[in-house]
Amino acid sequence: MTAPTPEPLEDRASAREGARAFFHGSAVELDGKGVLVLGPSGSGKSSLALALLGFGATLICDDGVWVDPPGAPDGPAMLRRPDGAPELIEARGIGLLKAGPVRAEAPLSLVVDLSRREPHRLPPSRLVTFGTARIVVILAMSNPMLTSGLVQLLRHGRADT
């Protein structure tokens, strides 16, 4: 199976400020790796971020995050918490919860796309780009093993990479 051509992540930004882009999504950090969760309203972005917090992740921001391009050609794009963002996360049906400690930034290591379903049982390695950075993307709409699979991926990687 051939890997698809990487898509530019910038195309999904809701706002731009110079080279940086703003995304309506949630972001967490786990073991030094930043995760950007994207999807339409009601798709489960905050729910997935909250579930990852339960596995030891730290919130960067819920409902909006900046992504800065790499500072060097082989460097990572960076997730950045917006100034003044509340240290809260939405728990649907429960309310706004205190997130505990938050992070101001983390290198963007993974994008989770809740707007598209993965058609393959064992998918090819998918990537998006942001500037010169190449970032793994997981198509995750309606994936029942999503949270535990993401934790395992972040901590130990995939067999084909």
Foldseek 3Di string as FASTA:
>chain_A
DDEDDAAAPQVQFPDDDVLKGKHQAWWWDDPQEIETEDEDPPLCRLVLVVLLVVVPIATQAHGMWMWACAPDLAGFIKIARDPPGAQWTADPPPGIDRRPDHDGMGGHAEYEYQHADDPDPDDDFYWHDRRNDTHTYHDPHPNPCPNVVVNCCVVPNDPVD
